[in-house]
Amino acid sequence: MNIKVNGEDKDIKDGVTITEILKIENVEMPDMVSVQLNDEFVDRDKFSDTALKENDKIDFLYFMGGGTFGL
């Protein structure tokens, strides 16, 4: 089946969950990543229960702190 992962087309087997695609894609620090599926955030406790479907769009997002100090 065809899905889009972080903007790239990927061909994966049917029934892959979010937890599995994090492993397949070798996502670093998977416990620190937020996941959007079709532009909607997915709760971490749903990762292993959420199976991807044909033409799904999944994005892995890392939120970084930053800014200036003392200005």
C-alpha atoms as a PDB file:
ATOM      1  CA  MET A   1       0.000   0.000   0.000  1.00  0.00           C
ATOM      2  CA  ASN A   2       1.157   3.551  -0.659  1.00  0.00           C
ATOM      3  CA  ILE A   3       1.464   6.185   2.081  1.00  0.00           C
ATOM      4  CA  LYS A   4       3.330   9.456   2.464  1.00  0.00           C
ATOM      5  CA  VAL A   5       5.892   9.673   5.304  1.00  0.00           C
ATOM      6  CA  ASN A   6       7.258  13.154   6.018  1.00  0.00           C
ATOM      7  CA  GLY A   7       6.452  14.120   2.437  1.00  0.00           C
ATOM      8  CA  GLU A   8       7.996  11.031   0.788  1.00  0.00           C
ATOM      9  CA  ASP A   9       6.000   8.305  -0.935  1.00  0.00           C
ATOM     10  CA  LYS A  10       6.500   4.903   0.684  1.00  0.00           C
ATOM     11  CA  ASP A  11       5.226   1.453  -0.195  1.00  0.00           C
ATOM     12  CA  ILE A  12       4.511  -0.612   2.930  1.00  0.00           C
ATOM     13  CA  LYS A  13       2.569  -3.756   3.767  1.00  0.00           C
ATOM     14  CA  ASP A  14      -1.074  -3.484   4.811  1.00  0.00           C
ATOM     15  CA  GLY A  15      -1.959  -3.136   8.474  1.00  0.00           C
ATOM     16  CA  VAL A  16       1.218  -1.411   9.693  1.00  0.00           C
ATOM     17  CA  THR A  17       0.609   0.559  12.901  1.00  0.00           C
ATOM     18  CA  ILE A  18       2.131   3.876  13.894  1.00  0.00           C
ATOM     19  CA  THR A  19       4.391   2.057  16.374  1.00  0.00           C
ATOM     20  CA  GLU A  20       5.633  -0.205  13.565  1.00  0.00           C
ATOM     21  CA  ILE A  21       6.228   2.620  11.077  1.00  0.00           C
ATOM     22  CA  LEU A  22       8.311   4.448  13.699  1.00  0.00           C
ATOM     23  CA  LYS A  23      10.543   1.336  13.820  1.00  0.00           C
ATOM     24  CA  ILE A  24      10.526   0.809  10.041  1.00  0.00           C
ATOM     25  CA  GLU A  25      11.597   4.421   9.483  1.00  0.00           C
ATOM     26  CA  ASN A  26      14.270   4.209  12.225  1.00  0.00           C
ATOM     27  CA  VAL A  27      12.857   7.281  13.973  1.00  0.00           C
ATOM     28  CA  GLU A  28      15.324   8.506  16.571  1.00  0.00           C
ATOM     29  CA  MET A  29      13.908   8.988  20.067  1.00  0.00           C
ATOM     30  CA  PRO A  30      10.432   7.651  19.175  1.00  0.00           C
ATOM     31  CA  ASP A  31       9.255   8.423  22.711  1.00  0.00           C
ATOM     32  CA  MET A  32       9.992  12.121  22.053  1.00  0.00           C
ATOM     33  CA  VAL A  33       8.235  12.404  18.684  1.00  0.00           C
ATOM     34  CA  SER A  34       4.712  13.661  18.027  1.00  0.00           C
ATOM     35  CA  VAL A  35       2.807  12.084  15.156  1.00  0.00           C
ATOM     36  CA  GLN A  36       0.335  13.665  12.794  1.00  0.00           C
ATOM     37  CA  LEU A  37      -1.817  11.338  10.735  1.00  0.00           C
ATOM     38  CA  ASN A  38      -3.645  13.113   7.920  1.00  0.00           C
ATOM     39  CA  ASP A  39      -2.935  16.460   9.638  1.00  0.00           C
ATOM     40  CA  GLU A  40      -4.395  15.346  13.004  1.00  0.00           C
ATOM     41  CA  PHE A  41      -2.244  14.666  16.068  1.00  0.00           C
ATOM     42  CA  VAL A  42      -2.468  11.094  17.374  1.00  0.00           C
ATOM     43  CA  ASP A  43      -2.345  10.396  21.112  1.00  0.00           C
ATOM     44  CA  ARG A  44       0.719   8.355  22.034  1.00  0.00           C
ATOM     45  CA  ASP A  45      -1.455   5.695  23.696  1.00  0.00           C
ATOM     46  CA  LYS A  46      -3.131   5.082  20.302  1.00  0.00           C
ATOM     47  CA  PHE A  47       0.113   4.435  18.347  1.00  0.00           C
ATOM     48  CA  SER A  48      -0.047   0.641  18.639  1.00  0.00           C
ATOM     49  CA  ASP A  49      -3.793   0.538  17.848  1.00  0.00           C
ATOM     50  CA  THR A  50      -3.775   2.858  14.836  1.00  0.00           C
ATOM     51  CA  ALA A  51      -3.239   1.034  11.550  1.00  0.00           C
ATOM     52  CA  LEU A  52      -2.239   3.016   8.487  1.00  0.00           C
ATOM     53  CA  LYS A  53      -4.399   2.912   5.379  1.00  0.00           C
ATOM     54  CA  GLU A  54      -3.842   3.464   1.668  1.00  0.00           C
ATOM     55  CA  ASN A  55      -2.920   7.095   0.862  1.00  0.00           C
ATOM     56  CA  ASP A  56      -2.489   8.100   4.528  1.00  0.00           C
ATOM     57  CA  LYS A  57      -0.114  10.964   5.240  1.00  0.00           C
ATOM     58  CA  ILE A  58       2.009  10.634   8.372  1.00  0.00           C
ATOM     59  CA  ASP A  59       4.465  13.165   9.750  1.00  0.00           C
ATOM     60  CA  PHE A  60       6.925  12.788  12.642  1.00  0.00           C
ATOM     61  CA  LEU A  61       7.467  16.039  14.530  1.00  0.00           C
ATOM     62  CA  TYR A  62      10.031  16.950  17.153  1.00  0.00           C
ATOM     63  CA  PHE A  63       9.347  20.009  19.266  1.00  0.00           C
ATOM     64  CA  MET A  64      12.457  21.917  20.258  1.00  0.00           C
ATOM     65  CA  GLY A  65      12.815  24.518  22.940  1.00  0.00           C
ATOM     66  CA  GLY A  66      14.573  27.693  22.065  1.00  0.00           C
ATOM     67  CA  GLY A  67      14.534  31.410  22.179  1.00  0.00           C
ATOM     68  CA  THR A  68      16.727  34.031  23.701  1.00  0.00           C
ATOM     69  CA  PHE A  69      17.844  34.475  27.253  1.00  0.00           C
ATOM     70  CA  GLY A  70      18.368  37.734  29.021  1.00  0.00           C
ATOM     71  CA  LEU A  71      17.116  40.120  26.356  1.00  0.00           C
END
